[in-house]
Amino acid sequence: MRKKGTALNFIMSAATDVGIEKETNQDSFGAKLVQTACGNIAVCIMCDGMGGYAKGEVASATVVNIFNKWILERLPVLCADSIRGDIIRQEWEKLVQIASRKISDYGVKKNITLGTTLTVIMLTETEYYILNVGDSRAYEIADAVTVLTKDQTVVAREVELGVLTEEEAKTDPRRSVLLQCIGASDYIEPDFFTGKVKKDSVYMLCSDGFRHEVSNAEIFQYMQPAVMVDPEQMRQNMEALIELNKQRYETDNISVLSVRTF
């Protein structure tokens, strides 16, 4: 445990690649470090514009921009007092609905269907807060690799119901079929997760293209805290995993960002 009054610090890095097949990168992400009255805060956003949908990059960038605006305008206000998870959840869920309407209206205007996933994490010096829609993921990498989110996919639901095994799910052709996404679903019900932030750990967000072809053991090898020592090394390690995915013929866009606590 950290001693009271001992600040937790963050460093962060990111990497992305269009992949071996697609012409455009429909992933969008953002990461900001903010000094507030509540202490140091890191906020990271990962969005995967829908593969196969026209203008998926517009959908993903729209969500990132809306959350970036919230970080600049609302987060300092909320941090004037103690941070409350229920307020964070309410505000984020409102942003999701605003983004979904904006993306849907754009689609109607252009006569196209588009959408995006969203995983956003906020790390304070003691707690983390995560909101998730779709199948991008948040991980905690400390002594082991732990997935902090739950995929909102048909396959994940069938695993939960006992229809499929974990091994069957890995190769199921429906593994990327989402139960909901921002902009293309009439009603969105995000998942929300909270927990304690660990010192000397790595918190990672990624689009699904980053994790299909690599194992948790490989993620740990390249992204354990001991080898994530500065932003440049973090970027190199993540790019090595991206290359590994491409060598194994991952066809999706591949994006990852990480925050190291110390």
C-alpha atoms as a PDB file:
ATOM      1  CA  MET A   1       0.000   0.000   0.000  1.00  0.00           C
ATOM      2  CA  ARG A   2       1.129   3.552  -0.678  1.00  0.00           C
ATOM      3  CA  LYS A   3       1.691   5.832   2.251  1.00  0.00           C
ATOM      4  CA  LYS A   4      -0.848   8.599   2.600  1.00  0.00           C
ATOM      5  CA  GLY A   5       0.364  11.682   0.797  1.00  0.00           C
ATOM      6  CA  THR A   6       2.641   9.745  -1.564  1.00  0.00           C
ATOM      7  CA  ALA A   7       1.665  10.656  -5.120  1.00  0.00           C
ATOM      8  CA  LEU A   8       1.165   8.035  -7.774  1.00  0.00           C
ATOM      9  CA  ASN A   9       2.723   8.975 -11.105  1.00  0.00           C
ATOM     10  CA  PHE A  10       1.949   7.850 -14.631  1.00  0.00           C
ATOM     11  CA  ILE A  11       3.789   7.500 -17.923  1.00  0.00           C
ATOM     12  CA  MET A  12       2.017   6.470 -21.107  1.00  0.00           C
ATOM     13  CA  SER A  13       2.599   5.464 -24.687  1.00  0.00           C
ATOM     14  CA  ALA A  14       0.648   4.203 -27.694  1.00  0.00           C
ATOM     15  CA  ALA A  15       1.077   2.391 -30.996  1.00  0.00           C
ATOM     16  CA  THR A  16      -1.177   1.683 -33.964  1.00  0.00           C
ATOM     17  CA  ASP A  17      -0.991   0.023 -37.374  1.00  0.00           C
ATOM     18  CA  VAL A  18      -3.438  -0.188 -40.266  1.00  0.00           C
ATOM     19  CA  GLY A  19      -2.649  -3.914 -40.532  1.00  0.00           C
ATOM     20  CA  ILE A  20      -1.946  -6.141 -43.497  1.00  0.00           C
ATOM     21  CA  GLU A  21      -5.288  -5.928 -45.304  1.00  0.00           C
ATOM     22  CA  LYS A  22      -7.318  -2.772 -44.673  1.00  0.00           C
ATOM     23  CA  GLU A  23      -6.831   0.477 -46.579  1.00  0.00           C
ATOM     24  CA  THR A  24      -7.770   2.783 -43.706  1.00  0.00           C
ATOM     25  CA  ASN A  25      -7.195   2.723 -39.967  1.00  0.00           C
ATOM     26  CA  GLN A  26     -10.624   2.966 -38.355  1.00  0.00           C
ATOM     27  CA  ASP A  27      -9.238   2.871 -34.801  1.00  0.00           C
ATOM     28  CA  SER A  28      -9.009   6.111 -32.818  1.00  0.00           C
ATOM     29  CA  PHE A  29      -7.573   6.675 -29.365  1.00  0.00           C
ATOM     30  CA  GLY A  30      -6.616   9.387 -26.935  1.00  0.00           C
ATOM     31  CA  ALA A  31      -4.620   9.665 -23.721  1.00  0.00           C
ATOM     32  CA  LYS A  32      -4.184  12.578 -21.353  1.00  0.00           C
ATOM     33  CA  LEU A  33      -2.347  13.146 -18.083  1.00  0.00           C
ATOM     34  CA  VAL A  34      -3.978  15.777 -15.902  1.00  0.00           C
ATOM     35  CA  GLN A  35      -2.856  17.395 -12.662  1.00  0.00           C
ATOM     36  CA  THR A  36      -5.934  18.170 -10.572  1.00  0.00           C
ATOM     37  CA  ALA A  37      -6.960  19.133  -7.067  1.00  0.00           C
ATOM     38  CA  CYS A  38      -7.529  15.393  -6.555  1.00  0.00           C
ATOM     39  CA  GLY A  39      -3.967  14.544  -7.611  1.00  0.00           C
ATOM     40  CA  ASN A  40      -2.563  13.068 -10.807  1.00  0.00           C
ATOM     41  CA  ILE A  41      -5.113  11.535 -13.173  1.00  0.00           C
ATOM     42  CA  ALA A  42      -4.661   9.579 -16.412  1.00  0.00           C
ATOM     43  CA  VAL A  43      -7.526   9.132 -18.866  1.00  0.00           C
ATOM     44  CA  CYS A  44      -7.253   6.831 -21.882  1.00  0.00           C
ATOM     45  CA  ILE A  45      -9.795   6.180 -24.629  1.00  0.00           C
ATOM     46  CA  MET A  46      -9.803   3.397 -27.245  1.00  0.00           C
ATOM     47  CA  CYS A  47     -12.356   3.208 -30.071  1.00  0.00           C
ATOM     48  CA  ASP A  48     -12.566   0.702 -32.921  1.00  0.00           C
ATOM     49  CA  GLY A  49     -14.651   1.953 -35.834  1.00  0.00           C
ATOM     50  CA  MET A  50     -16.732  -0.849 -37.233  1.00  0.00           C
ATOM     51  CA  GLY A  51     -14.846  -3.008 -39.694  1.00  0.00           C
ATOM     52  CA  GLY A  52     -16.684  -3.233 -42.985  1.00  0.00           C
ATOM     53  CA  TYR A  53     -18.828  -0.191 -42.198  1.00  0.00           C
ATOM     54  CA  ALA A  54     -18.263   2.947 -44.220  1.00  0.00           C
ATOM     55  CA  LYS A  55     -16.501   5.765 -42.380  1.00  0.00           C
ATOM     56  CA  GLY A  56     -15.745   3.784 -39.235  1.00  0.00           C
ATOM     57  CA  GLU A  57     -12.903   6.196 -38.551  1.00  0.00           C
ATOM     58  CA  VAL A  58     -15.434   9.050 -38.354  1.00  0.00           C
ATOM     59  CA  ALA A  59     -17.396   7.180 -35.691  1.00  0.00           C
ATOM     60  CA  SER A  60     -14.349   6.331 -33.594  1.00  0.00           C
ATOM     61  CA  ALA A  61     -12.856   9.834 -33.841  1.00  0.00           C
ATOM     62  CA  THR A  62     -16.197  11.392 -32.875  1.00  0.00           C
ATOM     63  CA  VAL A  63     -16.260   9.497 -29.583  1.00  0.00           C
ATOM     64  CA  VAL A  64     -12.620  10.270 -28.776  1.00  0.00           C
ATOM     65  CA  ASN A  65     -13.191  13.974 -29.438  1.00  0.00           C
ATOM     66  CA  ILE A  66     -16.268  14.080 -27.202  1.00  0.00           C
ATOM     67  CA  PHE A  67     -14.394  12.432 -24.330  1.00  0.00           C
ATOM     68  CA  ASN A  68     -11.349  14.662 -24.840  1.00  0.00           C
ATOM     69  CA  LYS A  69     -13.606  17.691 -24.486  1.00  0.00           C
ATOM     70  CA  TRP A  70     -15.013  16.236 -21.251  1.00  0.00           C
ATOM     71  CA  ILE A  71     -11.487  15.773 -19.875  1.00  0.00           C
ATOM     72  CA  LEU A  72     -10.647  19.411 -20.558  1.00  0.00           C
ATOM     73  CA  GLU A  73     -13.921  20.988 -19.483  1.00  0.00           C
ATOM     74  CA  ARG A  74     -15.625  18.755 -16.920  1.00  0.00           C
ATOM     75  CA  LEU A  75     -12.904  16.741 -15.184  1.00  0.00           C
ATOM     76  CA  PRO A  76     -11.321  19.778 -13.453  1.00  0.00           C
ATOM     77  CA  VAL A  77     -14.771  20.764 -12.149  1.00  0.00           C
ATOM     78  CA  LEU A  78     -15.435  17.285 -10.780  1.00  0.00           C
ATOM     79  CA  CYS A  79     -11.998  17.237  -9.160  1.00  0.00           C
ATOM     80  CA  ALA A  80     -12.685  20.433  -7.233  1.00  0.00           C
ATOM     81  CA  ASP A  81     -14.252  18.055  -4.718  1.00  0.00           C
ATOM     82  CA  SER A  82     -13.602  14.351  -4.169  1.00  0.00           C
ATOM     83  CA  ILE A  83     -14.173  12.143  -7.219  1.00  0.00           C
ATOM     84  CA  ARG A  84     -17.321  10.024  -7.100  1.00  0.00           C
ATOM     85  CA  GLY A  85     -17.610   6.928  -9.244  1.00  0.00           C
ATOM     86  CA  ASP A  86     -21.372   7.259  -9.607  1.00  0.00           C
ATOM     87  CA  ILE A  87     -20.987  10.765 -11.039  1.00  0.00           C
ATOM     88  CA  ILE A  88     -18.255   9.615 -13.437  1.00  0.00           C
ATOM     89  CA  ARG A  89     -20.525   6.810 -14.618  1.00  0.00           C
ATOM     90  CA  GLN A  90     -23.505   9.129 -15.139  1.00  0.00           C
ATOM     91  CA  GLU A  91     -21.455  11.648 -17.094  1.00  0.00           C
ATOM     92  CA  TRP A  92     -19.771   9.023 -19.267  1.00  0.00           C
ATOM     93  CA  GLU A  93     -23.059   7.289 -20.051  1.00  0.00           C
ATOM     94  CA  LYS A  94     -24.476  10.653 -21.094  1.00  0.00           C
ATOM     95  CA  LEU A  95     -21.470  11.198 -23.389  1.00  0.00           C
ATOM     96  CA  VAL A  96     -22.089   7.785 -24.968  1.00  0.00           C
ATOM     97  CA  GLN A  97     -25.692   8.702 -25.780  1.00  0.00           C
ATOM     98  CA  ILE A  98     -24.618  12.089 -27.185  1.00  0.00           C
ATOM     99  CA  ALA A  99     -21.954  10.437 -29.350  1.00  0.00           C
ATOM    100  CA  SER A 100     -24.335   7.741 -30.542  1.00  0.00           C
ATOM    101  CA  ARG A 101     -26.918  10.289 -31.683  1.00  0.00           C
ATOM    102  CA  LYS A 102     -24.260  12.358 -33.421  1.00  0.00           C
ATOM    103  CA  ILE A 103     -22.878   9.323 -35.273  1.00  0.00           C
ATOM    104  CA  SER A 104     -26.353   8.053 -36.149  1.00  0.00           C
ATOM    105  CA  ASP A 105     -27.378  11.467 -37.500  1.00  0.00           C
ATOM    106  CA  TYR A 106     -24.217  11.570 -39.621  1.00  0.00           C
ATOM    107  CA  GLY A 107     -25.065   8.123 -40.979  1.00  0.00           C
ATOM    108  CA  VAL A 108     -28.609   9.153 -41.892  1.00  0.00           C
ATOM    109  CA  LYS A 109     -27.307  12.276 -43.631  1.00  0.00           C
ATOM    110  CA  LYS A 110     -24.734  10.275 -45.631  1.00  0.00           C
ATOM    111  CA  ASN A 111     -27.012   7.230 -46.087  1.00  0.00           C
ATOM    112  CA  ILE A 112     -24.456   4.904 -44.498  1.00  0.00           C
ATOM    113  CA  THR A 113     -24.246   2.739 -41.383  1.00  0.00           C
ATOM    114  CA  LEU A 114     -21.312   3.312 -39.064  1.00  0.00           C
ATOM    115  CA  GLY A 115     -20.446   2.633 -35.457  1.00  0.00           C
ATOM    116  CA  THR A 116     -17.661   2.173 -32.962  1.00  0.00           C
ATOM    117  CA  THR A 117     -16.650   0.385 -29.807  1.00  0.00           C
ATOM    118  CA  LEU A 118     -15.457   2.315 -26.768  1.00  0.00           C
ATOM    119  CA  THR A 119     -13.238   1.480 -23.835  1.00  0.00           C
ATOM    120  CA  VAL A 120     -12.297   4.379 -21.558  1.00  0.00           C
ATOM    121  CA  ILE A 121     -10.315   4.182 -18.328  1.00  0.00           C
ATOM    122  CA  MET A 122      -9.616   6.875 -15.765  1.00  0.00           C
ATOM    123  CA  LEU A 123      -6.825   6.236 -13.274  1.00  0.00           C
ATOM    124  CA  THR A 124      -6.674   8.325 -10.133  1.00  0.00           C
ATOM    125  CA  GLU A 125      -3.988   7.843  -7.498  1.00  0.00           C
ATOM    126  CA  THR A 126      -6.180   5.245  -5.765  1.00  0.00           C
ATOM    127  CA  GLU A 127      -8.998   4.046  -8.034  1.00  0.00           C
ATOM    128  CA  TYR A 128      -9.706   3.170 -11.643  1.00  0.00           C
ATOM    129  CA  TYR A 129     -12.998   3.644 -13.488  1.00  0.00           C
ATOM    130  CA  ILE A 130     -13.758   1.903 -16.791  1.00  0.00           C
ATOM    131  CA  LEU A 131     -16.668   2.195 -19.211  1.00  0.00           C
ATOM    132  CA  ASN A 132     -16.968  -0.302 -22.057  1.00  0.00           C
ATOM    133  CA  VAL A 133     -19.157  -0.767 -25.131  1.00  0.00           C
ATOM    134  CA  GLY A 134     -18.238  -3.533 -27.593  1.00  0.00           C
ATOM    135  CA  ASP A 135     -15.097  -5.667 -27.676  1.00  0.00           C
ATOM    136  CA  SER A 136     -12.143  -3.362 -27.199  1.00  0.00           C
ATOM    137  CA  ARG A 137     -10.544  -4.259 -23.865  1.00  0.00           C
ATOM    138  CA  ALA A 138      -8.847  -2.933 -20.755  1.00  0.00           C
ATOM    139  CA  TYR A 139      -6.144  -5.002 -19.044  1.00  0.00           C
ATOM    140  CA  GLU A 140      -4.149  -4.771 -15.839  1.00  0.00           C
ATOM    141  CA  ILE A 141      -0.631  -6.178 -16.084  1.00  0.00           C
ATOM    142  CA  ALA A 142       1.095  -6.640 -12.734  1.00  0.00           C
ATOM    143  CA  ASP A 143       2.180 -10.085 -11.523  1.00  0.00           C
ATOM    144  CA  ALA A 144      -0.103 -11.499 -14.209  1.00  0.00           C
ATOM    145  CA  VAL A 145      -2.329 -10.356 -17.072  1.00  0.00           C
ATOM    146  CA  THR A 146      -5.912  -9.611 -16.022  1.00  0.00           C
ATOM    147  CA  VAL A 147      -8.729  -8.579 -18.353  1.00  0.00           C
ATOM    148  CA  LEU A 148     -10.736  -5.836 -16.628  1.00  0.00           C
ATOM    149  CA  THR A 149     -13.620  -5.644 -19.117  1.00  0.00           C
ATOM    150  CA  LYS A 150     -16.173  -8.069 -20.522  1.00  0.00           C
ATOM    151  CA  ASP A 151     -16.561  -8.420 -24.298  1.00  0.00           C
ATOM    152  CA  GLN A 152     -20.025  -7.450 -25.507  1.00  0.00           C
ATOM    153  CA  THR A 153     -20.084 -10.034 -28.294  1.00  0.00           C
ATOM    154  CA  VAL A 154     -22.314 -12.913 -29.358  1.00  0.00           C
ATOM    155  CA  VAL A 155     -19.488 -15.374 -28.723  1.00  0.00           C
ATOM    156  CA  ALA A 156     -18.696 -14.038 -25.234  1.00  0.00           C
ATOM    157  CA  ARG A 157     -22.376 -14.351 -24.325  1.00  0.00           C
ATOM    158  CA  GLU A 158     -22.450 -17.953 -25.544  1.00  0.00           C
ATOM    159  CA  VAL A 159     -19.341 -18.764 -23.495  1.00  0.00           C
ATOM    160  CA  GLU A 160     -21.051 -17.265 -20.454  1.00  0.00           C
ATOM    161  CA  LEU A 161     -24.148 -19.386 -21.145  1.00  0.00           C
ATOM    162  CA  GLY A 162     -22.069 -22.544 -21.582  1.00  0.00           C
ATOM    163  CA  VAL A 163     -22.922 -22.923 -25.282  1.00  0.00           C
ATOM    164  CA  LEU A 164     -19.270 -22.495 -26.328  1.00  0.00           C
ATOM    165  CA  THR A 165     -15.972 -23.227 -24.608  1.00  0.00           C
ATOM    166  CA  GLU A 166     -13.204 -20.615 -24.375  1.00  0.00           C
ATOM    167  CA  GLU A 167     -11.186 -22.570 -26.946  1.00  0.00           C
ATOM    168  CA  GLU A 168     -14.109 -22.802 -29.373  1.00  0.00           C
ATOM    169  CA  ALA A 169     -14.706 -19.074 -28.995  1.00  0.00           C
ATOM    170  CA  LYS A 170     -11.180 -18.245 -30.182  1.00  0.00           C
ATOM    171  CA  THR A 171     -11.858 -19.631 -33.664  1.00  0.00           C
ATOM    172  CA  ASP A 172     -15.603 -19.019 -33.939  1.00  0.00           C
ATOM    173  CA  PRO A 173     -16.316 -17.017 -37.131  1.00  0.00           C
ATOM    174  CA  ARG A 174     -18.693 -14.802 -35.139  1.00  0.00           C
ATOM    175  CA  ARG A 175     -16.068 -13.737 -32.625  1.00  0.00           C
ATOM    176  CA  SER A 176     -16.241 -10.083 -33.723  1.00  0.00           C
ATOM    177  CA  VAL A 177     -20.046  -9.840 -33.938  1.00  0.00           C
ATOM    178  CA  LEU A 178     -21.035  -7.218 -31.366  1.00  0.00           C
ATOM    179  CA  LEU A 179     -24.149  -7.131 -29.215  1.00  0.00           C
ATOM    180  CA  GLN A 180     -24.098  -3.329 -29.387  1.00  0.00           C
ATOM    181  CA  CYS A 181     -21.975  -0.447 -30.580  1.00  0.00           C
ATOM    182  CA  ILE A 182     -22.083   3.329 -30.435  1.00  0.00           C
ATOM    183  CA  GLY A 183     -23.873   4.833 -33.421  1.00  0.00           C
ATOM    184  CA  ALA A 184     -25.457   1.670 -34.826  1.00  0.00           C
ATOM    185  CA  SER A 185     -27.529   0.480 -31.835  1.00  0.00           C
ATOM    186  CA  ASP A 186     -30.861   2.029 -30.850  1.00  0.00           C
ATOM    187  CA  TYR A 187     -30.220   1.549 -27.138  1.00  0.00           C
ATOM    188  CA  ILE A 188     -26.777   1.332 -25.548  1.00  0.00           C
ATOM    189  CA  GLU A 189     -26.100  -0.164 -22.147  1.00  0.00           C
ATOM    190  CA  PRO A 190     -22.406   0.312 -21.286  1.00  0.00           C
ATOM    191  CA  ASP A 191     -20.613  -1.831 -18.731  1.00  0.00           C
ATOM    192  CA  PHE A 192     -18.910   0.020 -15.880  1.00  0.00           C
ATOM    193  CA  PHE A 193     -16.076  -1.339 -13.745  1.00  0.00           C
ATOM    194  CA  THR A 194     -14.136   0.038 -10.796  1.00  0.00           C
ATOM    195  CA  GLY A 195     -11.158  -1.145  -8.768  1.00  0.00           C
ATOM    196  CA  LYS A 196      -8.019  -0.181  -6.894  1.00  0.00           C
ATOM    197  CA  VAL A 197      -5.064   1.147  -8.867  1.00  0.00           C
ATOM    198  CA  LYS A 198      -1.837  -0.762  -8.274  1.00  0.00           C
ATOM    199  CA  LYS A 199       1.564   0.888  -8.143  1.00  0.00           C
ATOM    200  CA  ASP A 200       4.270  -0.502 -10.478  1.00  0.00           C
ATOM    201  CA  SER A 201       1.660  -1.894 -12.858  1.00  0.00           C
ATOM    202  CA  VAL A 202       0.621  -1.411 -16.474  1.00  0.00           C
ATOM    203  CA  TYR A 203      -2.922  -0.586 -17.580  1.00  0.00           C
ATOM    204  CA  MET A 204      -3.547  -1.312 -21.251  1.00  0.00           C
ATOM    205  CA  LEU A 205      -6.365  -0.568 -23.683  1.00  0.00           C
ATOM    206  CA  CYS A 206      -6.498  -2.235 -27.094  1.00  0.00           C
ATOM    207  CA  SER A 207      -8.720  -2.789 -30.092  1.00  0.00           C
ATOM    208  CA  ASP A 208      -9.589  -6.429 -30.734  1.00  0.00           C
ATOM    209  CA  GLY A 209      -7.054  -6.611 -33.563  1.00  0.00           C
ATOM    210  CA  PHE A 210      -4.253  -6.401 -31.001  1.00  0.00           C
ATOM    211  CA  ARG A 211      -5.177  -9.502 -29.012  1.00  0.00           C
ATOM    212  CA  HIS A 212      -6.576 -12.182 -31.313  1.00  0.00           C
ATOM    213  CA  GLU A 213      -3.232 -13.619 -32.403  1.00  0.00           C
ATOM    214  CA  VAL A 214      -1.120 -13.168 -29.259  1.00  0.00           C
ATOM    215  CA  SER A 215      -1.411 -14.970 -25.941  1.00  0.00           C
ATOM    216  CA  ASN A 216      -1.600 -13.497 -22.460  1.00  0.00           C
ATOM    217  CA  ALA A 217       1.845 -14.996 -21.847  1.00  0.00           C
ATOM    218  CA  GLU A 218       3.236 -13.028 -24.798  1.00  0.00           C
ATOM    219  CA  ILE A 219       1.490  -9.867 -23.635  1.00  0.00           C
ATOM    220  CA  PHE A 220       3.103 -10.336 -20.224  1.00  0.00           C
ATOM    221  CA  GLN A 221       6.530 -10.973 -21.767  1.00  0.00           C
ATOM    222  CA  TYR A 222       6.483  -7.675 -23.673  1.00  0.00           C
ATOM    223  CA  MET A 223       4.384  -5.528 -21.354  1.00  0.00           C
ATOM    224  CA  GLN A 224       5.118  -6.543 -17.779  1.00  0.00           C
ATOM    225  CA  PRO A 225       6.040  -3.548 -15.601  1.00  0.00           C
ATOM    226  CA  ALA A 226       9.728  -4.515 -15.418  1.00  0.00           C
ATOM    227  CA  VAL A 227      10.204  -3.918 -19.168  1.00  0.00           C
ATOM    228  CA  MET A 228       7.895  -0.900 -19.514  1.00  0.00           C
ATOM    229  CA  VAL A 229      10.357   1.602 -18.085  1.00  0.00           C
ATOM    230  CA  ASP A 230       9.829   4.755 -20.190  1.00  0.00           C
ATOM    231  CA  PRO A 231       7.501   5.909 -22.994  1.00  0.00           C
ATOM    232  CA  GLU A 232       9.919   5.015 -25.802  1.00  0.00           C
ATOM    233  CA  GLN A 233      10.536   1.498 -24.496  1.00  0.00           C
ATOM    234  CA  MET A 234       6.806   1.069 -23.963  1.00  0.00           C
ATOM    235  CA  ARG A 235       6.161   2.045 -27.581  1.00  0.00           C
ATOM    236  CA  GLN A 236       8.820  -0.347 -28.880  1.00  0.00           C
ATOM    237  CA  ASN A 237       7.408  -3.230 -26.855  1.00  0.00           C
ATOM    238  CA  MET A 238       3.882  -2.595 -28.086  1.00  0.00           C
ATOM    239  CA  GLU A 239       5.084  -2.301 -31.678  1.00  0.00           C
ATOM    240  CA  ALA A 240       6.817  -5.667 -31.289  1.00  0.00           C
ATOM    241  CA  LEU A 241       3.476  -7.223 -30.356  1.00  0.00           C
ATOM    242  CA  ILE A 242       1.800  -5.483 -33.284  1.00  0.00           C
ATOM    243  CA  GLU A 243       4.394  -7.001 -35.624  1.00  0.00           C
ATOM    244  CA  LEU A 244       3.783 -10.413 -34.052  1.00  0.00           C
ATOM    245  CA  ASN A 245       0.075 -10.053 -34.803  1.00  0.00           C
ATOM    246  CA  LYS A 246       0.815  -9.126 -38.409  1.00  0.00           C
ATOM    247  CA  GLN A 247       3.194 -12.061 -38.838  1.00  0.00           C
ATOM    248  CA  ARG A 248       0.315 -14.289 -37.743  1.00  0.00           C
ATOM    249  CA  TYR A 249      -1.957 -12.721 -40.372  1.00  0.00           C
ATOM    250  CA  GLU A 250      -4.183 -10.575 -38.195  1.00  0.00           C
ATOM    251  CA  THR A 251      -6.200  -8.648 -40.788  1.00  0.00           C
ATOM    252  CA  ASP A 252      -7.773  -5.971 -38.586  1.00  0.00           C
ATOM    253  CA  ASN A 253      -6.419  -2.569 -37.608  1.00  0.00           C
ATOM    254  CA  ILE A 254      -4.227  -2.941 -34.517  1.00  0.00           C
ATOM    255  CA  SER A 255      -4.086  -0.311 -31.766  1.00  0.00           C
ATOM    256  CA  VAL A 256      -2.849  -0.308 -28.186  1.00  0.00           C
ATOM    257  CA  LEU A 257      -2.091   2.249 -25.511  1.00  0.00           C
ATOM    258  CA  SER A 258      -0.703   1.749 -22.040  1.00  0.00           C
ATOM    259  CA  VAL A 259      -0.169   3.572 -18.769  1.00  0.00           C
ATOM    260  CA  ARG A 260       2.616   2.599 -16.360  1.00  0.00           C
ATOM    261  CA  THR A 261       2.136   3.481 -12.690  1.00  0.00           C
ATOM    262  CA  PHE A 262       5.052   4.216 -10.378  1.00  0.00           C
END
